[in-house]
Protein backbone atom coordinates (compact mmCIF):
# COMPACT_ATOMS: atom_id res chain seq x y z
CA MET A 1 -54.46 15.55 63.05
CA PRO A 2 -54.85 18.84 64.97
CA PRO A 3 -55.86 18.46 68.65
CA ILE A 4 -59.47 18.15 69.70
CA ALA A 5 -60.85 19.48 73.03
CA VAL A 6 -63.67 17.76 74.94
CA LEU A 7 -65.24 20.04 77.53
CA GLY A 8 -67.07 18.21 80.21
CA ALA A 9 -65.36 15.35 82.12
CA GLY A 10 -68.40 13.42 83.12
CA SER A 11 -68.99 9.90 81.95
CA PHE A 12 -70.02 10.73 78.35
CA GLY A 13 -67.40 13.35 77.78
CA THR A 14 -64.73 11.05 79.14
CA ALA A 15 -65.90 8.17 76.96
CA LEU A 16 -65.92 10.41 73.82
CA ALA A 17 -62.45 11.70 74.64
CA ILE A 18 -61.19 8.11 74.95
CA GLN A 19 -62.68 7.28 71.54
CA PHE A 20 -61.17 10.30 69.82
CA ALA A 21 -57.75 9.48 71.31
CA ARG A 22 -58.20 5.73 70.52
CA ARG A 23 -58.68 6.73 66.86
CA GLY A 24 -55.43 8.73 66.83
CA SER A 25 -56.47 12.35 67.75
CA THR A 26 -54.50 14.27 70.31
CA THR A 27 -57.33 14.83 72.76
CA ARG A 28 -57.71 17.14 75.79
CA LEU A 29 -60.36 16.40 78.28
CA TRP A 30 -61.34 19.41 80.34
CA GLY A 31 -63.30 19.60 83.57
CA ARG A 32 -63.81 22.14 86.39
CA ASP A 33 -62.53 20.01 89.20
CA ALA A 34 -58.80 20.57 89.25
CA VAL A 35 -58.15 17.92 91.88
CA ALA A 36 -60.16 15.25 90.12
CA LEU A 37 -58.57 16.11 86.71
CA ALA A 38 -55.13 15.96 88.19
CA GLU A 39 -55.82 12.63 89.69
CA ALA A 40 -57.32 11.36 86.41
CA GLU A 41 -54.21 12.49 84.59
CA ARG A 42 -51.97 10.73 87.12
CA ALA A 43 -54.02 7.48 87.30
CA ARG A 44 -54.78 7.57 83.52
CA ARG A 45 -58.47 6.98 84.12
CA ASN A 46 -61.56 8.92 85.40
CA ALA A 47 -62.00 7.11 88.67
CA ARG A 48 -65.38 8.63 89.56
CA TYR A 49 -67.21 8.13 86.22
CA LEU A 50 -65.36 5.40 84.21
CA PRO A 51 -62.93 3.67 86.50
CA ASP A 52 -62.51 0.66 84.18
CA CYS A 53 -61.55 2.64 81.14
CA GLU A 54 -57.86 3.47 80.70
CA PHE A 55 -56.84 6.60 78.94
CA PRO A 56 -55.01 6.15 75.63
CA ALA A 57 -51.52 7.73 75.42
CA THR A 58 -52.76 10.67 73.36
CA LEU A 59 -55.40 11.75 75.92
CA VAL A 60 -54.59 14.51 78.36
CA ALA A 61 -56.82 15.54 81.28
CA THR A 62 -56.72 19.18 82.42
CA ALA A 63 -58.65 21.77 84.37
CA ASN A 64 -56.90 24.60 82.41
CA LEU A 65 -59.44 25.69 79.70
CA GLY A 66 -56.80 27.63 77.79
CA ALA A 67 -54.51 24.65 77.61
CA ALA A 68 -57.41 22.38 76.50
CA LEU A 69 -58.31 24.72 73.64
CA ARG A 70 -54.78 25.53 72.47
CA GLU A 71 -54.60 24.76 68.67
CA ALA A 72 -57.74 22.62 68.92
CA GLU A 73 -59.41 22.27 65.53
CA GLU A 74 -62.77 21.29 67.00
CA VAL A 75 -64.35 21.62 70.44
CA VAL A 76 -66.82 19.00 71.73
CA ILE A 77 -69.12 20.10 74.56
CA ALA A 78 -70.39 17.25 76.74
CA THR A 79 -71.70 19.07 79.79
CA PRO A 80 -75.26 18.57 81.13
CA SER A 81 -77.69 20.58 79.04
CA HIS A 82 -78.49 23.01 81.86
CA ALA A 83 -74.81 24.02 81.88
CA LEU A 84 -74.46 24.48 78.17
CA ARG A 85 -74.98 28.28 78.00
CA ALA A 86 -72.41 28.90 80.72
CA MET A 87 -69.91 26.58 78.96
CA LEU A 88 -70.46 28.32 75.64
CA GLY A 89 -69.89 31.70 77.36
CA ALA A 90 -66.62 30.46 78.82
CA LEU A 91 -65.64 29.13 75.42
CA GLN A 92 -66.51 32.48 73.78
CA GLU A 93 -64.40 34.35 76.34
CA ALA A 94 -61.44 31.98 75.80
CA ILE A 95 -61.65 32.40 72.11
CA ALA A 96 -61.71 36.18 72.44
CA THR A 97 -58.75 36.37 74.83
CA SER A 98 -56.44 33.72 73.46
CA ALA A 99 -55.22 32.16 70.21
CA ALA A 100 -58.00 29.53 70.26
CA ALA A 101 -59.88 29.45 67.02
CA PRO A 102 -61.82 26.23 66.58
CA LYS A 103 -63.30 25.46 63.19
CA GLY A 104 -66.36 23.91 64.67
CA VAL A 105 -68.34 23.22 67.86
CA ILE A 106 -69.90 19.82 68.43
CA ILE A 107 -72.61 19.64 71.07
CA ALA A 108 -73.05 16.27 72.78
CA CYS A 109 -75.68 17.31 75.38
CA LYS A 110 -79.07 15.63 75.44
CA GLY A 111 -81.68 18.03 76.62
CA PHE A 112 -83.28 21.46 76.43
CA GLU A 113 -82.21 24.65 78.11
CA PRO A 114 -84.31 24.85 81.37
CA GLY A 115 -86.77 27.72 81.38
CA SER A 116 -86.45 28.59 77.70
CA GLY A 117 -86.94 25.17 76.14
CA LYS A 118 -84.40 25.99 73.52
CA LEU A 119 -82.53 23.27 71.69
CA ALA A 120 -78.73 23.18 72.06
CA HIS A 121 -77.98 24.58 68.64
CA GLU A 122 -80.28 27.54 69.34
CA VAL A 123 -78.34 28.30 72.55
CA SER A 124 -75.07 27.99 70.57
CA ALA A 125 -76.24 30.38 67.88
CA GLU A 126 -77.22 32.97 70.49
CA VAL A 127 -73.90 32.77 72.34
CA LEU A 128 -71.38 32.15 69.58
CA GLY A 129 -73.20 33.60 66.60
CA ASP A 130 -72.35 32.37 63.10
CA ALA A 131 -68.60 32.55 63.58
CA HIS A 132 -68.23 28.84 64.53
CA PRO A 133 -70.16 26.14 62.63
CA TYR A 134 -71.84 23.67 64.95
CA ALA A 135 -72.89 19.99 64.90
CA VAL A 136 -74.85 17.87 67.33
CA LEU A 137 -73.83 14.34 68.28
CA SER A 138 -76.34 11.79 69.68
CA GLY A 139 -77.39 8.15 69.53
CA PRO A 140 -77.78 5.07 71.73
CA THR A 141 -74.61 5.33 73.80
CA PHE A 142 -73.94 4.20 77.29
CA ALA A 143 -70.63 5.77 78.28
CA ALA A 144 -69.19 2.79 80.01
CA GLU A 145 -69.61 0.61 76.90
CA LEU A 146 -68.21 3.28 74.62
CA GLY A 147 -65.26 3.77 76.99
CA ARG A 148 -64.48 0.02 76.93
CA GLY A 149 -64.53 -0.04 73.14
CA LEU A 150 -67.69 -2.11 72.76
CA PRO A 151 -69.59 -1.68 69.43
CA THR A 152 -71.43 1.63 69.41
CA ALA A 153 -72.96 3.96 66.85
CA VAL A 154 -73.83 7.74 66.84
CA ILE A 155 -75.11 10.26 64.39
CA ILE A 156 -73.44 13.63 63.87
CA ALA A 157 -75.82 16.16 62.31
CA SER A 158 -74.81 19.52 60.97
CA ARG A 159 -75.84 21.92 58.24
CA ASP A 160 -72.10 22.11 57.51
CA ASP A 161 -71.49 18.81 55.77
CA SER A 162 -67.70 19.09 56.00
CA LEU A 163 -67.81 19.54 59.81
CA ALA A 164 -70.04 16.47 60.32
CA THR A 165 -67.82 14.41 57.97
CA ARG A 166 -64.56 15.45 59.72
CA ILE A 167 -65.93 14.49 63.15
CA ALA A 168 -67.31 11.26 61.83
CA HIS A 169 -63.89 10.30 60.41
CA ARG A 170 -62.17 11.18 63.69
CA LEU A 171 -64.45 8.87 65.64
CA ASN A 172 -65.22 6.02 63.21
CA GLY A 173 -63.51 2.67 63.39
CA GLY A 174 -62.53 -0.07 65.89
CA GLY A 175 -66.14 -1.08 66.40
CA PHE A 176 -67.39 2.45 66.53
CA ARG A 177 -69.70 3.56 63.74
CA ALA A 178 -70.34 7.24 63.00
CA TYR A 179 -73.09 8.37 60.71
CA THR A 180 -73.78 11.85 59.39
CA GLY A 181 -76.92 13.84 58.71
CA ARG A 182 -78.40 17.38 58.39
CA ASP A 183 -81.50 17.06 60.55
CA VAL A 184 -80.16 18.97 63.63
CA VAL A 185 -83.63 19.44 65.15
CA GLY A 186 -84.60 15.80 64.88
CA VAL A 187 -81.33 14.56 66.40
CA GLU A 188 -81.65 16.96 69.34
CA LEU A 189 -85.33 16.36 69.93
CA GLY A 190 -84.91 12.59 69.90
CA GLY A 191 -81.95 12.73 72.34
CA ALA A 192 -83.88 14.88 74.77
CA ALA A 193 -87.51 13.57 74.58
CA LYS A 194 -86.54 9.89 74.92
CA ASN A 195 -85.28 10.51 78.44
CA VAL A 196 -88.78 11.47 79.65
CA ILE A 197 -90.25 8.20 78.18
CA ALA A 198 -87.44 6.20 79.84
CA ILE A 199 -88.50 7.55 83.27
CA ALA A 200 -92.04 6.34 82.58
CA ALA A 201 -90.75 2.95 81.39
CA GLY A 202 -88.66 2.54 84.48
CA THR A 203 -91.59 3.46 86.67
CA SER A 204 -93.74 0.88 84.85
CA ASP A 205 -91.25 -1.85 85.38
CA GLY A 206 -90.78 -0.89 89.00
CA LEU A 207 -94.44 -1.28 89.53
CA GLY A 208 -94.33 -4.76 88.02
CA PHE A 209 -96.44 -3.98 84.99
CA GLY A 210 -94.41 -6.28 82.74
CA ALA A 211 -92.93 -6.39 79.28
CA ASN A 212 -96.20 -5.67 77.47
CA ALA A 213 -96.48 -2.29 79.27
CA ARG A 214 -92.87 -1.50 78.57
CA SER A 215 -93.37 -2.15 74.82
CA LEU A 216 -96.51 -0.04 74.85
CA LEU A 217 -94.60 2.91 76.44
CA ILE A 218 -91.79 2.63 73.94
CA THR A 219 -94.13 2.46 70.94
CA ARG A 220 -96.49 5.22 72.06
CA GLY A 221 -93.64 7.25 73.37
CA LEU A 222 -92.05 7.14 69.92
CA ALA A 223 -95.39 8.29 68.44
CA GLU A 224 -95.34 11.32 70.80
CA MET A 225 -91.78 12.17 69.74
CA ARG A 226 -92.72 11.93 66.06
CA ARG A 227 -95.78 14.12 66.42
CA LEU A 228 -93.86 16.79 68.19
CA GLY A 229 -90.95 16.44 65.75
CA GLU A 230 -93.25 16.93 62.77
CA LYS A 231 -94.51 20.26 64.17
CA MET A 232 -90.95 21.39 64.96
CA GLY A 233 -89.60 20.64 61.53
CA ALA A 234 -87.79 17.39 62.29
CA GLU A 235 -87.67 14.55 59.78
CA SER A 236 -89.64 11.44 60.70
CA GLU A 237 -86.79 9.29 59.32
CA THR A 238 -84.44 10.84 61.99
CA LEU A 239 -86.68 9.92 64.82
CA MET A 240 -86.89 6.31 63.49
CA GLY A 241 -83.09 6.16 63.57
CA LEU A 242 -80.28 6.19 66.04
CA ALA A 243 -81.12 9.49 67.80
CA GLY A 244 -84.78 8.53 68.13
CA LEU A 245 -85.86 4.95 68.21
CA GLY A 246 -82.39 3.63 68.87
CA ASP A 247 -81.76 5.83 71.95
CA LEU A 248 -85.39 5.33 73.09
CA VAL A 249 -85.07 1.56 73.19
CA LEU A 250 -81.70 1.72 74.89
CA THR A 251 -82.74 4.04 77.73
CA CYS A 252 -86.07 2.31 78.35
CA THR A 253 -84.67 -1.27 78.56
CA ASP A 254 -81.31 -1.24 80.36
CA ASP A 255 -80.57 -0.31 83.88
CA GLN A 256 -77.39 1.55 82.86
CA SER A 257 -79.87 4.31 81.98
CA ARG A 258 -80.12 6.93 84.79
CA ASN A 259 -83.57 7.93 83.53
CA ARG A 260 -84.87 4.33 83.74
CA ARG A 261 -83.23 3.92 87.18
CA LEU A 262 -84.94 7.05 88.42
CA GLY A 263 -88.30 5.62 87.36
CA LEU A 264 -87.53 2.37 89.21
CA LEU A 265 -86.73 4.31 92.38
CA LEU A 266 -89.85 6.45 92.09
CA ALA A 267 -91.94 3.29 91.79
CA ALA A 268 -90.26 1.97 94.94
CA GLY A 269 -91.64 5.00 96.85
CA LYS A 270 -88.59 7.18 96.82
CA SER A 271 -89.10 10.96 96.41
CA LEU A 272 -87.54 12.67 93.46
CA ALA A 273 -84.83 14.16 95.68
CA GLU A 274 -84.08 10.76 97.30
CA ALA A 275 -83.99 8.99 93.91
CA SER A 276 -81.70 11.69 92.36
CA ALA A 277 -79.37 11.58 95.35
CA GLU A 278 -79.08 7.76 95.05
CA ILE A 279 -78.19 7.97 91.35
CA ARG A 280 -75.52 10.66 92.09
CA GLN A 281 -75.37 11.93 88.50
CA VAL A 282 -77.45 14.32 86.47
CA VAL A 283 -80.75 12.66 85.29
CA GLU A 284 -81.49 14.71 82.13
CA GLY A 285 -85.05 13.62 81.88
CA VAL A 286 -85.97 15.51 85.03
CA LYS A 287 -85.17 18.82 83.47
CA ALA A 288 -86.30 17.82 80.03
CA ALA A 289 -89.84 16.69 81.02
CA PRO A 290 -91.42 20.15 81.65
CA GLU A 291 -89.66 21.56 78.57
CA VAL A 292 -91.04 18.81 76.36
CA LEU A 293 -94.48 19.37 77.80
CA ARG A 294 -94.23 23.07 77.27
CA LEU A 295 -93.32 22.50 73.61
CA ALA A 296 -96.24 20.08 73.26
CA ARG A 297 -98.68 22.67 74.47
CA ARG A 298 -97.10 25.39 72.27
CA PHE A 299 -97.40 23.24 69.11
CA GLU A 300 -100.76 21.71 70.28
CA VAL A 301 -99.46 18.08 70.26
CA ALA A 302 -100.98 15.41 72.46
CA MET A 303 -98.24 13.77 74.62
CA PRO A 304 -100.05 11.96 77.38
CA ILE A 305 -97.07 9.83 78.54
CA THR A 306 -94.93 12.94 78.92
CA GLU A 307 -97.73 14.72 80.69
CA MET A 308 -98.09 11.88 83.24
CA ALA A 309 -94.37 11.70 83.67
CA CYS A 310 -94.40 15.42 84.56
CA ALA A 311 -97.22 14.89 87.00
CA VAL A 312 -95.18 12.24 88.84
CA LEU A 313 -91.95 14.23 88.85
CA GLU A 314 -93.77 17.27 90.16
CA GLY A 315 -95.46 15.21 92.89
CA ARG A 316 -99.01 15.88 91.56
CA MET A 317 -99.62 12.10 91.06
CA THR A 318 -98.18 8.84 92.36
CA PRO A 319 -96.85 6.50 89.71
CA ARG A 320 -99.89 4.28 90.11
CA GLU A 321 -102.27 7.15 89.71
CA ALA A 322 -100.44 8.34 86.56
CA PHE A 323 -100.70 4.86 84.96
CA ALA A 324 -104.39 4.59 86.02
CA THR A 325 -105.04 7.94 84.19
CA LEU A 326 -103.19 6.65 81.06
CA ALA A 327 -105.18 3.41 81.15
CA SER A 328 -108.53 5.26 81.25
CA ARG A 329 -107.97 7.11 77.97
CA SER A 330 -110.65 6.59 75.39
CA VAL A 331 -110.47 4.42 72.24
CA ARG A 332 -108.88 6.12 69.19
CA ALA A 333 -107.10 5.23 65.96
CA GLU A 334 -103.41 4.21 66.50
CA ALA A 335 -102.18 6.74 63.98
CA LYS A 336 -103.56 9.67 66.00
């Protein structure tokens, strides 16, 4: 198979690159830190993010973007969502000035563009235009488990069926299950909005509110996601699947989730800056929360859990005050 390039050498990008290589693709993992990438290539593992996951023989780590893109049939972007536009700009420049001509771009970011609230595929369309078909990849995936080859599933959504199918075949197998779909908006919305609910769930657990409260937050958080998704044109079935409910349960219930861990630290009295510094990786829900709330207000959708999460993240309420506000809401039908 032609080579595939994975841009973004964090935990998820590294895990995806390992899976592509494990399934037989010549895979190039690109990152900005030349020293770290050189060390990863020498040690055959990404010591900072996935120290226990050895690189397959067909995986090459490089800080040379041109080398990563050379003859690559597809490009996977796994940077944090706030860096997506810059990464797409660098990709566009590399395509214009070299022989790189990918048949498709696969976006594996989970979040909105800060400030604009745009979904990843909207940013891609603005930067790359229609020249390169795109797909989005999401689902309940902890990078460390994916990197170790433990059973995992994702959905790849694209309006170009052939692109989604190609990527699914390049990933599927060996305990990894890849599904395809066409609901790009639903997959992206689920992957971003669930991070906000996970911060709330972590905060609840950190305050000792128990399993009942966690279940409540997951269930009502899903209702918020589905209400917003309906107004944005997403399919309800998508948000009940891997990219919605599946990813929501994962991030709300396991301490591998950075968003859940952030909530735990906030409940322990840490400031947002202190909690973020302790986690030492990007916590996507922090940047996603105000964008989700902005969309909720634009589409006139009630999202009280998201609203309270924003109040805590912005320092306008303590975690206990936020939960007291949620608990004081009036009686209403569950379906509303």
